[in-house]
Amino acid sequence: MRKVFYVLHVTNYARQDIMLKEKHATEIEAILAKYPTKRSAVMPLLYVAQQEYGFCDEQAIREVAELTALDPTEVKSIVGFYTMFFEEKTGQYVIEVCDDLPCALRGADKFVQHCEHKLGIRAGQTTPDGKFTLRTVMCIAACDRAPVAQVNREYKYSLTPESFDKMVDELK
């Protein structure tokens, strides 16, 4: 009879910097206090993680999972589902242009092309200086004011190529 041994490889994924629960203890306690279960606080805690780290990487997901007593896979599925959470590093300014059908009918496709030209990148990319990330997203609930974008979650309505160019120049 052969004996088979399995070795469990344990890795310490702790960041070199202070973890969320230490650095943002008061804010985390306040968030958790608002909800009847820890599970309900997962999205606000993901915002805290994203604000701290710039995106929700594997370590941030593990930290939020620990705070909410969820499996990291559950937290990762939330990050992957919602476009407001970033799974990779982004620019200082994240420009999200809605290109869903109602916005496309109001010129979003041409507007995205203009944005790409102005920034010198394609949608889904970040400028070489790390200043801007351009993304297209499905519906941000402002179809009547398209072309519309969010810049770091702040709405910009009824955009034109000229108003976009001015906005980008002011952010530089």
N, C-alpha and C. Protein backbone atom coordinates (compact mmCIF):
# COMPACT_ATOMS: atom_id res chain seq x y z
N MET A 1 0.84 -1.18 0.00
CA MET A 1 0.00 0.00 0.00
C MET A 1 0.89 1.25 0.00
N ARG A 2 0.60 2.18 -0.92
CA ARG A 2 1.35 3.44 -1.01
C ARG A 2 0.70 4.50 -0.16
N LYS A 3 1.51 5.24 0.51
CA LYS A 3 1.01 6.38 1.27
C LYS A 3 1.23 7.63 0.44
N VAL A 4 0.23 8.46 0.39
CA VAL A 4 0.32 9.70 -0.35
C VAL A 4 0.25 10.86 0.64
N PHE A 5 1.19 11.75 0.53
CA PHE A 5 1.22 12.91 1.42
C PHE A 5 0.97 14.16 0.59
N TYR A 6 0.14 15.03 1.09
CA TYR A 6 -0.13 16.29 0.45
C TYR A 6 0.50 17.39 1.29
N VAL A 7 1.17 18.27 0.63
CA VAL A 7 1.79 19.39 1.33
C VAL A 7 1.01 20.64 0.99
N LEU A 8 0.56 21.31 2.01
CA LEU A 8 -0.18 22.55 1.83
C LEU A 8 0.83 23.70 1.88
N HIS A 9 0.87 24.44 0.81
CA HIS A 9 1.78 25.58 0.73
C HIS A 9 1.05 26.81 1.25
N VAL A 10 1.56 27.39 2.30
CA VAL A 10 0.94 28.56 2.88
C VAL A 10 1.81 29.77 2.57
N THR A 11 1.19 30.79 2.05
CA THR A 11 1.91 32.00 1.70
C THR A 11 1.37 33.15 2.53
N ASN A 12 2.24 33.98 3.00
CA ASN A 12 1.82 35.17 3.72
C ASN A 12 1.64 36.29 2.69
N TYR A 13 0.40 36.69 2.45
CA TYR A 13 0.10 37.70 1.43
C TYR A 13 0.05 39.11 2.01
N ALA A 14 0.45 39.27 3.25
CA ALA A 14 0.34 40.58 3.89
C ALA A 14 1.13 41.62 3.11
N ARG A 15 0.55 42.78 2.97
CA ARG A 15 1.21 43.88 2.29
C ARG A 15 2.33 44.40 3.18
N GLN A 16 3.22 45.10 2.55
CA GLN A 16 4.31 45.72 3.30
C GLN A 16 3.77 46.92 4.09
N ASP A 17 2.70 47.51 3.62
CA ASP A 17 2.14 48.67 4.31
C ASP A 17 1.07 48.22 5.30
N ILE A 18 0.47 49.14 5.95
CA ILE A 18 -0.55 48.86 6.96
C ILE A 18 -1.81 48.35 6.28
N MET A 19 -2.40 47.33 6.87
CA MET A 19 -3.61 46.74 6.30
C MET A 19 -4.81 47.64 6.56
N LEU A 20 -5.85 47.41 5.77
CA LEU A 20 -7.07 48.22 5.88
C LEU A 20 -7.61 48.28 7.30
N LYS A 21 -7.74 47.11 7.94
CA LYS A 21 -8.38 47.09 9.25
C LYS A 21 -7.59 47.87 10.30
N GLU A 22 -6.31 48.08 10.06
CA GLU A 22 -5.52 48.89 10.98
C GLU A 22 -5.57 50.37 10.61
N LYS A 23 -5.42 50.64 9.32
CA LYS A 23 -5.35 52.03 8.87
C LYS A 23 -6.72 52.73 8.88
N HIS A 24 -7.78 51.97 8.61
CA HIS A 24 -9.12 52.55 8.49
C HIS A 24 -10.08 51.96 9.52
N ALA A 25 -9.59 51.65 10.71
CA ALA A 25 -10.39 50.96 11.72
C ALA A 25 -11.70 51.70 12.04
N THR A 26 -11.63 52.99 12.25
CA THR A 26 -12.83 53.76 12.61
C THR A 26 -13.85 53.75 11.48
N GLU A 27 -13.38 53.97 10.26
CA GLU A 27 -14.28 53.98 9.10
C GLU A 27 -14.91 52.60 8.89
N ILE A 28 -14.12 51.56 9.05
CA ILE A 28 -14.63 50.19 8.87
C ILE A 28 -15.67 49.86 9.93
N GLU A 29 -15.39 50.23 11.17
CA GLU A 29 -16.37 50.00 12.24
C GLU A 29 -17.68 50.73 11.95
N ALA A 30 -17.59 51.95 11.47
CA ALA A 30 -18.80 52.73 11.15
C ALA A 30 -19.59 52.07 10.02
N ILE A 31 -18.88 51.57 9.01
CA ILE A 31 -19.55 50.89 7.89
C ILE A 31 -20.23 49.63 8.39
N LEU A 32 -19.52 48.81 9.13
CA LEU A 32 -20.09 47.55 9.62
C LEU A 32 -21.30 47.79 10.53
N ALA A 33 -21.28 48.89 11.28
CA ALA A 33 -22.38 49.21 12.20
C ALA A 33 -23.67 49.57 11.46
N LYS A 34 -23.57 49.96 10.19
CA LYS A 34 -24.75 50.37 9.42
C LYS A 34 -25.59 49.19 8.92
N TYR A 35 -25.02 47.99 8.95
CA TYR A 35 -25.67 46.85 8.31
C TYR A 35 -25.97 45.74 9.32
N PRO A 36 -27.08 45.03 9.09
CA PRO A 36 -27.46 43.96 10.03
C PRO A 36 -26.50 42.76 9.98
N THR A 37 -25.85 42.55 8.84
CA THR A 37 -24.86 41.48 8.72
C THR A 37 -23.61 42.05 8.06
N LYS A 38 -22.48 41.44 8.36
CA LYS A 38 -21.22 41.89 7.77
C LYS A 38 -21.24 41.76 6.25
N ARG A 39 -21.90 40.74 5.76
CA ARG A 39 -21.99 40.48 4.32
C ARG A 39 -22.53 41.70 3.56
N SER A 40 -23.47 42.39 4.17
CA SER A 40 -24.09 43.55 3.53
C SER A 40 -23.13 44.72 3.35
N ALA A 41 -22.03 44.71 4.06
CA ALA A 41 -21.08 45.81 4.01
C ALA A 41 -19.98 45.61 2.96
N VAL A 42 -20.06 44.54 2.19
CA VAL A 42 -18.97 44.21 1.28
C VAL A 42 -18.69 45.33 0.26
N MET A 43 -19.70 45.91 -0.34
CA MET A 43 -19.46 46.94 -1.36
C MET A 43 -18.86 48.22 -0.77
N PRO A 44 -19.39 48.75 0.34
CA PRO A 44 -18.73 49.92 0.93
C PRO A 44 -17.29 49.63 1.35
N LEU A 45 -17.01 48.42 1.82
CA LEU A 45 -15.65 48.08 2.21
C LEU A 45 -14.74 47.95 0.99
N LEU A 46 -15.29 47.50 -0.12
CA LEU A 46 -14.51 47.45 -1.36
C LEU A 46 -14.13 48.86 -1.81
N TYR A 47 -15.03 49.82 -1.60
CA TYR A 47 -14.71 51.21 -1.93
C TYR A 47 -13.54 51.70 -1.06
N VAL A 48 -13.55 51.35 0.21
CA VAL A 48 -12.45 51.73 1.10
C VAL A 48 -11.14 51.14 0.58
N ALA A 49 -11.18 49.86 0.23
CA ALA A 49 -9.98 49.18 -0.29
C ALA A 49 -9.50 49.83 -1.58
N GLN A 50 -10.43 50.12 -2.47
CA GLN A 50 -10.05 50.72 -3.75
C GLN A 50 -9.49 52.13 -3.55
N GLN A 51 -10.08 52.86 -2.63
CA GLN A 51 -9.57 54.20 -2.34
C GLN A 51 -8.15 54.13 -1.78
N GLU A 52 -7.89 53.14 -0.96
CA GLU A 52 -6.56 52.98 -0.35
C GLU A 52 -5.51 52.49 -1.34
N TYR A 53 -5.85 51.47 -2.12
CA TYR A 53 -4.87 50.80 -2.96
C TYR A 53 -4.95 51.21 -4.44
N GLY A 54 -6.02 51.89 -4.83
CA GLY A 54 -6.17 52.30 -6.22
C GLY A 54 -6.93 51.29 -7.06
N PHE A 55 -7.06 50.07 -6.57
CA PHE A 55 -7.80 49.01 -7.25
C PHE A 55 -7.99 47.86 -6.28
N CYS A 56 -8.80 46.91 -6.65
CA CYS A 56 -9.10 45.77 -5.78
C CYS A 56 -8.34 44.54 -6.24
N ASP A 57 -7.10 44.45 -5.79
CA ASP A 57 -6.27 43.30 -6.14
C ASP A 57 -6.60 42.13 -5.21
N GLU A 58 -5.87 41.04 -5.37
CA GLU A 58 -6.14 39.83 -4.58
C GLU A 58 -6.03 40.09 -3.08
N GLN A 59 -5.04 40.87 -2.67
CA GLN A 59 -4.88 41.16 -1.25
C GLN A 59 -6.05 41.99 -0.72
N ALA A 60 -6.47 42.99 -1.45
CA ALA A 60 -7.61 43.80 -1.02
C ALA A 60 -8.86 42.93 -0.91
N ILE A 61 -9.03 42.04 -1.86
CA ILE A 61 -10.18 41.13 -1.84
C ILE A 61 -10.12 40.24 -0.60
N ARG A 62 -8.94 39.74 -0.27
CA ARG A 62 -8.79 38.89 0.92
C ARG A 62 -9.09 39.68 2.20
N GLU A 63 -8.63 40.93 2.24
CA GLU A 63 -8.88 41.75 3.42
C GLU A 63 -10.38 41.99 3.62
N VAL A 64 -11.07 42.33 2.53
CA VAL A 64 -12.52 42.56 2.63
C VAL A 64 -13.24 41.26 2.98
N ALA A 65 -12.79 40.16 2.42
CA ALA A 65 -13.39 38.86 2.75
C ALA A 65 -13.25 38.57 4.23
N GLU A 66 -12.08 38.86 4.78
CA GLU A 66 -11.85 38.63 6.21
C GLU A 66 -12.77 39.52 7.05
N LEU A 67 -12.89 40.78 6.66
CA LEU A 67 -13.73 41.72 7.42
C LEU A 67 -15.21 41.35 7.39
N THR A 68 -15.64 40.71 6.31
CA THR A 68 -17.06 40.39 6.14
C THR A 68 -17.38 38.91 6.38
N ALA A 69 -16.36 38.14 6.74
CA ALA A 69 -16.51 36.70 6.98
C ALA A 69 -17.05 35.98 5.74
N LEU A 70 -16.59 36.41 4.57
CA LEU A 70 -16.97 35.77 3.31
C LEU A 70 -15.76 35.07 2.72
N ASP A 71 -16.03 34.16 1.82
CA ASP A 71 -14.96 33.52 1.08
C ASP A 71 -14.42 34.54 0.07
N PRO A 72 -13.11 34.61 -0.13
CA PRO A 72 -12.56 35.57 -1.11
C PRO A 72 -13.16 35.41 -2.51
N THR A 73 -13.57 34.21 -2.87
CA THR A 73 -14.18 33.99 -4.18
C THR A 73 -15.49 34.77 -4.32
N GLU A 74 -16.25 34.84 -3.24
CA GLU A 74 -17.50 35.62 -3.27
C GLU A 74 -17.22 37.10 -3.47
N VAL A 75 -16.22 37.60 -2.76
CA VAL A 75 -15.87 39.02 -2.88
C VAL A 75 -15.33 39.31 -4.28
N LYS A 76 -14.50 38.42 -4.80
CA LYS A 76 -13.95 38.60 -6.15
C LYS A 76 -15.06 38.62 -7.20
N SER A 77 -16.11 37.82 -7.00
CA SER A 77 -17.22 37.82 -7.97
C SER A 77 -17.94 39.16 -7.97
N ILE A 78 -18.00 39.81 -6.84
CA ILE A 78 -18.62 41.14 -6.76
C ILE A 78 -17.75 42.17 -7.48
N VAL A 79 -16.45 42.10 -7.24
CA VAL A 79 -15.51 43.01 -7.91
C VAL A 79 -15.60 42.83 -9.43
N GLY A 80 -15.69 41.58 -9.87
CA GLY A 80 -15.75 41.30 -11.30
C GLY A 80 -17.06 41.70 -11.95
N PHE A 81 -18.13 41.71 -11.18
CA PHE A 81 -19.45 42.03 -11.74
C PHE A 81 -19.67 43.53 -11.92
N TYR A 82 -19.28 44.32 -10.94
CA TYR A 82 -19.55 45.76 -10.97
C TYR A 82 -18.41 46.53 -11.60
N THR A 83 -18.75 47.38 -12.56
CA THR A 83 -17.71 48.14 -13.28
C THR A 83 -17.07 49.22 -12.42
N MET A 84 -17.65 49.56 -11.29
CA MET A 84 -17.06 50.62 -10.47
C MET A 84 -15.88 50.13 -9.62
N PHE A 85 -15.65 48.82 -9.64
CA PHE A 85 -14.48 48.28 -8.95
C PHE A 85 -13.45 47.89 -9.99
N PHE A 86 -12.21 48.25 -9.74
CA PHE A 86 -11.13 48.00 -10.70
C PHE A 86 -10.27 46.84 -10.22
N GLU A 87 -10.02 45.90 -11.11
CA GLU A 87 -9.21 44.73 -10.77
C GLU A 87 -7.73 44.93 -11.08
N GLU A 88 -7.42 46.02 -11.74
CA GLU A 88 -6.02 46.32 -12.03
C GLU A 88 -5.79 47.81 -11.88
N LYS A 89 -4.54 48.16 -11.81
CA LYS A 89 -4.17 49.55 -11.60
C LYS A 89 -4.75 50.44 -12.69
N THR A 90 -5.21 51.60 -12.30
CA THR A 90 -5.80 52.56 -13.24
C THR A 90 -5.03 53.88 -13.15
N GLY A 91 -5.40 54.78 -14.03
CA GLY A 91 -4.83 56.10 -13.99
C GLY A 91 -5.40 56.92 -12.84
N GLN A 92 -4.82 58.08 -12.63
CA GLN A 92 -5.30 58.98 -11.58
C GLN A 92 -6.76 59.36 -11.82
N TYR A 93 -7.10 59.54 -13.10
CA TYR A 93 -8.47 59.86 -13.48
C TYR A 93 -9.02 58.73 -14.33
N VAL A 94 -10.11 58.15 -13.89
CA VAL A 94 -10.76 57.07 -14.64
C VAL A 94 -11.96 57.68 -15.34
N ILE A 95 -11.89 57.69 -16.67
CA ILE A 95 -12.97 58.25 -17.48
C ILE A 95 -13.76 57.08 -18.05
N GLU A 96 -15.02 57.00 -17.65
CA GLU A 96 -15.88 55.91 -18.11
C GLU A 96 -17.00 56.50 -18.96
N VAL A 97 -16.99 56.13 -20.22
CA VAL A 97 -17.98 56.64 -21.17
C VAL A 97 -19.01 55.54 -21.43
N CYS A 98 -20.27 55.87 -21.28
CA CYS A 98 -21.33 54.91 -21.55
C CYS A 98 -21.47 54.74 -23.06
N ASP A 99 -21.43 53.49 -23.51
CA ASP A 99 -21.63 53.23 -24.94
C ASP A 99 -22.76 52.23 -25.17
N ASP A 100 -23.66 52.14 -24.20
CA ASP A 100 -24.84 51.29 -24.34
C ASP A 100 -25.71 51.83 -25.48
N LEU A 101 -26.65 51.04 -25.95
CA LEU A 101 -27.43 51.40 -27.13
C LEU A 101 -28.06 52.80 -27.07
N PRO A 102 -28.77 53.18 -26.01
CA PRO A 102 -29.36 54.53 -26.02
C PRO A 102 -28.30 55.63 -26.17
N CYS A 103 -27.16 55.46 -25.52
CA CYS A 103 -26.10 56.46 -25.65
C CYS A 103 -25.45 56.40 -27.03
N ALA A 104 -25.32 55.19 -27.57
CA ALA A 104 -24.76 55.04 -28.92
C ALA A 104 -25.64 55.77 -29.94
N LEU A 105 -26.94 55.70 -29.74
CA LEU A 105 -27.86 56.39 -30.65
C LEU A 105 -27.72 57.91 -30.55
N ARG A 106 -27.15 58.37 -29.45
CA ARG A 106 -26.91 59.81 -29.27
C ARG A 106 -25.45 60.19 -29.52
N GLY A 107 -24.70 59.32 -30.18
CA GLY A 107 -23.35 59.67 -30.60
C GLY A 107 -22.21 59.17 -29.74
N ALA A 108 -22.47 58.25 -28.83
CA ALA A 108 -21.41 57.79 -27.93
C ALA A 108 -20.24 57.13 -28.67
N ASP A 109 -20.53 56.38 -29.73
CA ASP A 109 -19.46 55.70 -30.45
C ASP A 109 -18.44 56.70 -31.02
N LYS A 110 -18.94 57.73 -31.68
CA LYS A 110 -18.03 58.76 -32.22
C LYS A 110 -17.33 59.50 -31.09
N PHE A 111 -18.05 59.70 -30.00
CA PHE A 111 -17.47 60.40 -28.86
C PHE A 111 -16.31 59.59 -28.27
N VAL A 112 -16.48 58.29 -28.14
CA VAL A 112 -15.40 57.43 -27.62
C VAL A 112 -14.19 57.52 -28.54
N GLN A 113 -14.42 57.53 -29.85
CA GLN A 113 -13.31 57.65 -30.79
C GLN A 113 -12.56 58.97 -30.57
N HIS A 114 -13.32 60.04 -30.32
CA HIS A 114 -12.68 61.32 -30.05
C HIS A 114 -11.85 61.25 -28.75
N CYS A 115 -12.40 60.63 -27.73
CA CYS A 115 -11.69 60.49 -26.46
C CYS A 115 -10.38 59.74 -26.66
N GLU A 116 -10.45 58.65 -27.42
CA GLU A 116 -9.25 57.85 -27.70
C GLU A 116 -8.20 58.70 -28.41
N HIS A 117 -8.64 59.48 -29.39
CA HIS A 117 -7.72 60.33 -30.14
C HIS A 117 -7.10 61.39 -29.23
N LYS A 118 -7.91 62.05 -28.42
CA LYS A 118 -7.42 63.11 -27.54
C LYS A 118 -6.40 62.57 -26.53
N LEU A 119 -6.70 61.39 -25.97
CA LEU A 119 -5.83 60.83 -24.94
C LEU A 119 -4.66 60.02 -25.52
N GLY A 120 -4.77 59.65 -26.80
CA GLY A 120 -3.72 58.86 -27.43
C GLY A 120 -3.70 57.40 -26.98
N ILE A 121 -4.84 56.91 -26.53
CA ILE A 121 -4.97 55.52 -26.09
C ILE A 121 -6.29 54.95 -26.59
N ARG A 122 -6.45 53.65 -26.48
CA ARG A 122 -7.72 52.99 -26.81
C ARG A 122 -8.50 52.80 -25.51
N ALA A 123 -9.81 52.64 -25.64
CA ALA A 123 -10.63 52.33 -24.46
C ALA A 123 -10.09 51.06 -23.82
N GLY A 124 -9.98 51.09 -22.50
CA GLY A 124 -9.42 49.96 -21.77
C GLY A 124 -7.95 50.15 -21.44
N GLN A 125 -7.37 51.27 -21.87
CA GLN A 125 -5.95 51.53 -21.63
C GLN A 125 -5.75 52.74 -20.73
N THR A 126 -4.51 52.88 -20.27
CA THR A 126 -4.11 54.01 -19.43
C THR A 126 -3.00 54.76 -20.15
N THR A 127 -3.03 56.08 -20.06
CA THR A 127 -1.99 56.89 -20.70
C THR A 127 -0.62 56.54 -20.10
N PRO A 128 0.43 56.67 -20.90
CA PRO A 128 1.78 56.32 -20.41
C PRO A 128 2.19 57.07 -19.15
N ASP A 129 1.67 58.29 -18.95
CA ASP A 129 2.02 59.04 -17.74
C ASP A 129 1.20 58.64 -16.52
N GLY A 130 0.26 57.69 -16.71
CA GLY A 130 -0.54 57.21 -15.59
C GLY A 130 -1.63 58.17 -15.15
N LYS A 131 -1.90 59.16 -15.95
CA LYS A 131 -2.87 60.19 -15.58
C LYS A 131 -4.32 59.77 -15.86
N PHE A 132 -4.56 59.16 -17.03
CA PHE A 132 -5.93 58.85 -17.45
C PHE A 132 -6.10 57.39 -17.84
N THR A 133 -7.21 56.82 -17.43
CA THR A 133 -7.66 55.52 -17.92
C THR A 133 -8.99 55.77 -18.59
N LEU A 134 -9.15 55.26 -19.80
CA LEU A 134 -10.40 55.40 -20.54
C LEU A 134 -11.08 54.04 -20.60
N ARG A 135 -12.33 54.00 -20.19
CA ARG A 135 -13.10 52.77 -20.22
C ARG A 135 -14.47 53.04 -20.83
N THR A 136 -15.01 52.05 -21.51
CA THR A 136 -16.41 52.14 -21.91
C THR A 136 -17.19 51.25 -20.96
N VAL A 137 -18.39 51.70 -20.63
CA VAL A 137 -19.23 50.97 -19.67
C VAL A 137 -20.65 50.89 -20.19
N MET A 138 -21.37 49.94 -19.64
CA MET A 138 -22.77 49.76 -20.00
C MET A 138 -23.64 50.53 -19.02
N CYS A 139 -24.39 51.45 -19.49
CA CYS A 139 -25.40 52.19 -18.76
C CYS A 139 -24.97 52.77 -17.41
N ILE A 140 -24.90 54.07 -17.39
CA ILE A 140 -24.67 54.77 -16.12
C ILE A 140 -25.87 55.67 -15.78
N ALA A 141 -27.01 55.29 -16.36
CA ALA A 141 -28.30 55.88 -15.99
C ALA A 141 -28.41 57.37 -16.29
N ALA A 142 -27.93 57.78 -17.45
CA ALA A 142 -28.06 59.19 -17.84
C ALA A 142 -28.25 59.28 -19.36
N CYS A 143 -29.02 58.36 -19.91
CA CYS A 143 -29.20 58.25 -21.36
C CYS A 143 -29.68 59.55 -21.99
N ASP A 144 -30.52 60.27 -21.28
CA ASP A 144 -31.10 61.49 -21.83
C ASP A 144 -30.09 62.63 -21.96
N ARG A 145 -28.90 62.44 -21.38
CA ARG A 145 -27.89 63.51 -21.42
C ARG A 145 -26.59 63.03 -22.07
N ALA A 146 -26.73 62.04 -22.94
CA ALA A 146 -25.57 61.46 -23.64
C ALA A 146 -25.07 62.42 -24.72
N PRO A 147 -23.82 62.30 -25.09
CA PRO A 147 -22.81 61.45 -24.49
C PRO A 147 -22.52 61.85 -23.05
N VAL A 148 -22.38 60.83 -22.22
CA VAL A 148 -22.18 61.04 -20.79
C VAL A 148 -21.01 60.18 -20.33
N ALA A 149 -20.31 60.70 -19.33
CA ALA A 149 -19.18 59.97 -18.76
C ALA A 149 -19.15 60.20 -17.26
N GLN A 150 -18.43 59.34 -16.60
CA GLN A 150 -18.10 59.57 -15.20
C GLN A 150 -16.58 59.69 -15.13
N VAL A 151 -16.14 60.69 -14.41
CA VAL A 151 -14.71 60.87 -14.16
C VAL A 151 -14.54 60.70 -12.66
N ASN A 152 -13.89 59.61 -12.30
CA ASN A 152 -13.76 59.26 -10.88
C ASN A 152 -15.12 59.32 -10.19
N ARG A 153 -16.10 58.74 -10.84
CA ARG A 153 -17.49 58.59 -10.37
C ARG A 153 -18.28 59.90 -10.32
N GLU A 154 -17.74 60.98 -10.86
CA GLU A 154 -18.48 62.24 -10.97
C GLU A 154 -19.03 62.35 -12.39
N TYR A 155 -20.34 62.55 -12.50
CA TYR A 155 -20.98 62.61 -13.81
C TYR A 155 -20.59 63.86 -14.59
N LYS A 156 -20.41 63.67 -15.89
CA LYS A 156 -20.19 64.76 -16.84
C LYS A 156 -21.21 64.55 -17.95
N TYR A 157 -22.16 65.47 -18.07
CA TYR A 157 -23.31 65.30 -18.97
C TYR A 157 -23.15 66.06 -20.28
N SER A 158 -23.90 65.59 -21.28
CA SER A 158 -24.01 66.27 -22.57
C SER A 158 -22.65 66.70 -23.10
N LEU A 159 -21.72 65.78 -23.09
CA LEU A 159 -20.36 66.10 -23.51
C LEU A 159 -20.26 66.30 -25.02
N THR A 160 -19.37 67.19 -25.38
CA THR A 160 -19.02 67.42 -26.78
C THR A 160 -17.51 67.19 -26.89
N PRO A 161 -16.99 67.03 -28.08
CA PRO A 161 -15.53 66.93 -28.21
C PRO A 161 -14.82 68.12 -27.57
N GLU A 162 -15.38 69.29 -27.74
CA GLU A 162 -14.76 70.51 -27.18
C GLU A 162 -14.79 70.50 -25.65
N SER A 163 -15.92 70.13 -25.06
CA SER A 163 -16.00 70.13 -23.60
C SER A 163 -15.12 69.01 -23.01
N PHE A 164 -15.00 67.91 -23.72
CA PHE A 164 -14.11 66.84 -23.26
C PHE A 164 -12.66 67.30 -23.29
N ASP A 165 -12.26 67.91 -24.40
CA ASP A 165 -10.89 68.40 -24.53
C ASP A 165 -10.55 69.41 -23.40
N LYS A 166 -11.48 70.30 -23.14
CA LYS A 166 -11.28 71.30 -22.08
C LYS A 166 -11.14 70.61 -20.72
N MET A 167 -11.98 69.64 -20.46
CA MET A 167 -11.94 68.92 -19.19
C MET A 167 -10.58 68.22 -19.02
N VAL A 168 -10.14 67.53 -20.05
CA VAL A 168 -8.86 66.81 -19.98
C VAL A 168 -7.71 67.79 -19.78
N ASP A 169 -7.73 68.89 -20.50
CA ASP A 169 -6.67 69.90 -20.37
C ASP A 169 -6.62 70.47 -18.94
N GLU A 170 -7.78 70.66 -18.34
CA GLU A 170 -7.84 71.18 -16.97
C GLU A 170 -7.36 70.16 -15.95
N LEU A 171 -7.56 68.87 -16.23
CA LEU A 171 -7.12 67.83 -15.32
C LEU A 171 -5.63 67.54 -15.41
N LYS A 172 -5.01 67.93 -16.52
CA LYS A 172 -3.57 67.70 -16.68
C LYS A 172 -2.86 68.60 -15.73
